[in-house]
Amino acid sequence: MHGALKFHFWFNVCEACVWFGAAFVVWRRSGRRVARSPQVTPPTTRDRLVTHVAVLALVAFGASDIWELSTGTWARPVGLLALNVACVGTLAGCGIYRWQRGR
């Protein structure tokens, strides 16, 4: 394995770990918000749904990095590109929802 390919491989492995770790942190923090801050209103059903969707999108983003290990690029095949676009769009939508809710 050449140096550039080795770097690409380990970069994608580390990036996948970051996405999986972010999913774990979001999942763990979602249940503790009310217990730690009594002045924060309890999360609604929609808040919990958005959190679960964000966790699934982060896991899918990490899985796309694992898939990218075998393809070498994030743009081919088209399914990998579509998965990446869907993950980014979903995470942006979840972030906008949270920002509008003030959480």
C-alpha atoms as a PDB file:
ATOM      1  CA  MET A   1       0.000   0.000   0.000  1.00  0.00           C
ATOM      2  CA  HIS A   2       1.442   3.331  -1.076  1.00  0.00           C
ATOM      3  CA  GLY A   3       1.755   6.245   1.334  1.00  0.00           C
ATOM      4  CA  ALA A   4      -1.181   8.201  -0.106  1.00  0.00           C
ATOM      5  CA  LEU A   5      -3.432   5.135  -0.063  1.00  0.00           C
ATOM      6  CA  LYS A   6      -2.381   4.299   3.469  1.00  0.00           C
ATOM      7  CA  PHE A   7      -3.181   7.852   4.588  1.00  0.00           C
ATOM      8  CA  HIS A   8      -6.560   7.715   2.821  1.00  0.00           C
ATOM      9  CA  PHE A   9      -7.365   4.389   4.497  1.00  0.00           C
ATOM     10  CA  TRP A  10      -6.510   5.533   8.025  1.00  0.00           C
ATOM     11  CA  PHE A  11      -8.141   8.922   7.525  1.00  0.00           C
ATOM     12  CA  ASN A  12     -11.435   7.218   6.629  1.00  0.00           C
ATOM     13  CA  VAL A  13     -11.136   4.829   9.573  1.00  0.00           C
ATOM     14  CA  CYS A  14     -10.615   7.779  11.947  1.00  0.00           C
ATOM     15  CA  GLU A  15     -13.421   9.745  10.311  1.00  0.00           C
ATOM     16  CA  ALA A  16     -15.804   6.793  10.733  1.00  0.00           C
ATOM     17  CA  CYS A  17     -14.845   6.600  14.421  1.00  0.00           C
ATOM     18  CA  VAL A  18     -15.577  10.316  14.807  1.00  0.00           C
ATOM     19  CA  TRP A  19     -19.077   9.893  13.298  1.00  0.00           C
ATOM     20  CA  PHE A  20     -19.820   6.818  15.418  1.00  0.00           C
ATOM     21  CA  GLY A  21     -18.558   8.673  18.507  1.00  0.00           C
ATOM     22  CA  ALA A  22     -20.691  11.713  17.703  1.00  0.00           C
ATOM     23  CA  ALA A  23     -23.732   9.442  17.337  1.00  0.00           C
ATOM     24  CA  PHE A  24     -23.002   7.919  20.742  1.00  0.00           C
ATOM     25  CA  VAL A  25     -22.621  11.342  22.391  1.00  0.00           C
ATOM     26  CA  VAL A  26     -25.866  12.658  20.879  1.00  0.00           C
ATOM     27  CA  TRP A  27     -27.684   9.492  21.928  1.00  0.00           C
ATOM     28  CA  ARG A  28     -26.331   9.623  25.510  1.00  0.00           C
ATOM     29  CA  ARG A  29     -27.020  13.341  25.964  1.00  0.00           C
ATOM     30  CA  SER A  30     -30.581  13.070  24.665  1.00  0.00           C
ATOM     31  CA  GLY A  31     -31.832  11.363  27.826  1.00  0.00           C
ATOM     32  CA  ARG A  32     -30.000  13.534  30.371  1.00  0.00           C
ATOM     33  CA  ARG A  33     -31.115  17.010  29.370  1.00  0.00           C
ATOM     34  CA  VAL A  34     -34.120  17.182  31.715  1.00  0.00           C
ATOM     35  CA  ALA A  35     -32.419  15.617  34.732  1.00  0.00           C
ATOM     36  CA  ARG A  36     -29.496  18.048  34.736  1.00  0.00           C
ATOM     37  CA  SER A  37     -31.362  21.283  33.951  1.00  0.00           C
ATOM     38  CA  PRO A  38     -34.633  21.814  35.753  1.00  0.00           C
ATOM     39  CA  GLN A  39     -35.308  25.089  33.920  1.00  0.00           C
ATOM     40  CA  VAL A  40     -35.209  23.404  30.498  1.00  0.00           C
ATOM     41  CA  THR A  41     -38.583  22.225  29.247  1.00  0.00           C
ATOM     42  CA  PRO A  42     -38.851  18.472  28.709  1.00  0.00           C
ATOM     43  CA  PRO A  43     -38.222  17.337  25.148  1.00  0.00           C
ATOM     44  CA  THR A  44     -41.292  16.786  23.035  1.00  0.00           C
ATOM     45  CA  THR A  45     -41.960  13.676  20.993  1.00  0.00           C
ATOM     46  CA  ARG A  46     -40.753  15.568  17.917  1.00  0.00           C
ATOM     47  CA  ASP A  47     -37.530  16.544  19.729  1.00  0.00           C
ATOM     48  CA  ARG A  48     -36.861  12.890  20.522  1.00  0.00           C
ATOM     49  CA  LEU A  49     -37.654  11.884  16.938  1.00  0.00           C
ATOM     50  CA  VAL A  50     -35.247  14.487  15.546  1.00  0.00           C
ATOM     51  CA  THR A  51     -32.567  13.246  17.947  1.00  0.00           C
ATOM     52  CA  HIS A  52     -33.068   9.639  16.841  1.00  0.00           C
ATOM     53  CA  VAL A  53     -32.970  10.673  13.180  1.00  0.00           C
ATOM     54  CA  ALA A  54     -29.726  12.601  13.813  1.00  0.00           C
ATOM     55  CA  VAL A  55     -28.187   9.555  15.527  1.00  0.00           C
ATOM     56  CA  LEU A  56     -29.153   7.324  12.595  1.00  0.00           C
ATOM     57  CA  ALA A  57     -27.739   9.858  10.115  1.00  0.00           C
ATOM     58  CA  LEU A  58     -24.439   9.995  12.034  1.00  0.00           C
ATOM     59  CA  VAL A  59     -24.214   6.196  12.073  1.00  0.00           C
ATOM     60  CA  ALA A  60     -24.990   6.088   8.336  1.00  0.00           C
ATOM     61  CA  PHE A  61     -22.313   8.719   7.726  1.00  0.00           C
ATOM     62  CA  GLY A  62     -19.799   6.574   9.604  1.00  0.00           C
ATOM     63  CA  ALA A  63     -20.882   3.533   7.602  1.00  0.00           C
ATOM     64  CA  SER A  64     -20.361   5.494   4.385  1.00  0.00           C
ATOM     65  CA  ASP A  65     -16.742   6.063   5.417  1.00  0.00           C
ATOM     66  CA  ILE A  66     -16.312   2.327   5.916  1.00  0.00           C
ATOM     67  CA  TRP A  67     -17.858   1.778   2.458  1.00  0.00           C
ATOM     68  CA  GLU A  68     -15.481   4.399   1.071  1.00  0.00           C
ATOM     69  CA  LEU A  69     -12.532   2.240   2.158  1.00  0.00           C
ATOM     70  CA  SER A  70     -13.346  -0.205  -0.629  1.00  0.00           C
ATOM     71  CA  THR A  71     -14.176   2.384  -3.322  1.00  0.00           C
ATOM     72  CA  GLY A  72     -11.420   4.926  -2.726  1.00  0.00           C
ATOM     73  CA  THR A  73     -13.661   7.952  -3.256  1.00  0.00           C
ATOM     74  CA  TRP A  74     -16.845   9.364  -1.785  1.00  0.00           C
ATOM     75  CA  ALA A  75     -18.403  10.135  -5.196  1.00  0.00           C
ATOM     76  CA  ARG A  76     -18.370   6.647  -6.732  1.00  0.00           C
ATOM     77  CA  PRO A  77     -20.494   4.581  -6.877  1.00  0.00           C
ATOM     78  CA  VAL A  78     -23.560   6.778  -7.133  1.00  0.00           C
ATOM     79  CA  GLY A  79     -25.166   5.013  -4.142  1.00  0.00           C
ATOM     80  CA  LEU A  80     -22.342   6.167  -1.881  1.00  0.00           C
ATOM     81  CA  LEU A  81     -22.695   9.723  -3.162  1.00  0.00           C
ATOM     82  CA  ALA A  82     -26.458   9.583  -2.569  1.00  0.00           C
ATOM     83  CA  LEU A  83     -25.910   8.267   0.974  1.00  0.00           C
ATOM     84  CA  ASN A  84     -23.462  11.081   1.757  1.00  0.00           C
ATOM     85  CA  VAL A  85     -25.821  13.730   0.349  1.00  0.00           C
ATOM     86  CA  ALA A  86     -28.746  12.258   2.322  1.00  0.00           C
ATOM     87  CA  CYS A  87     -26.699  12.241   5.540  1.00  0.00           C
ATOM     88  CA  VAL A  88     -25.535  15.832   5.130  1.00  0.00           C
ATOM     89  CA  GLY A  89     -29.065  17.001   4.282  1.00  0.00           C
ATOM     90  CA  THR A  90     -30.564  15.125   7.225  1.00  0.00           C
ATOM     91  CA  LEU A  91     -27.994  16.459   9.672  1.00  0.00           C
ATOM     92  CA  ALA A  92     -28.497  19.996   8.349  1.00  0.00           C
ATOM     93  CA  GLY A  93     -32.256  19.636   8.785  1.00  0.00           C
ATOM     94  CA  CYS A  94     -31.853  18.325  12.336  1.00  0.00           C
ATOM     95  CA  GLY A  95     -29.461  21.153  13.154  1.00  0.00           C
ATOM     96  CA  ILE A  96     -31.848  23.778  11.776  1.00  0.00           C
ATOM     97  CA  TYR A  97     -34.696  22.277  13.789  1.00  0.00           C
ATOM     98  CA  ARG A  98     -32.619  22.372  16.996  1.00  0.00           C
ATOM     99  CA  TRP A  99     -31.462  25.909  16.286  1.00  0.00           C
ATOM    100  CA  GLN A 100     -35.040  27.091  15.768  1.00  0.00           C
ATOM    101  CA  ARG A 101     -36.137  25.365  18.984  1.00  0.00           C
ATOM    102  CA  GLY A 102     -33.284  27.029  20.891  1.00  0.00           C
ATOM    103  CA  ARG A 103     -31.756  23.757  22.133  1.00  0.00           C
END
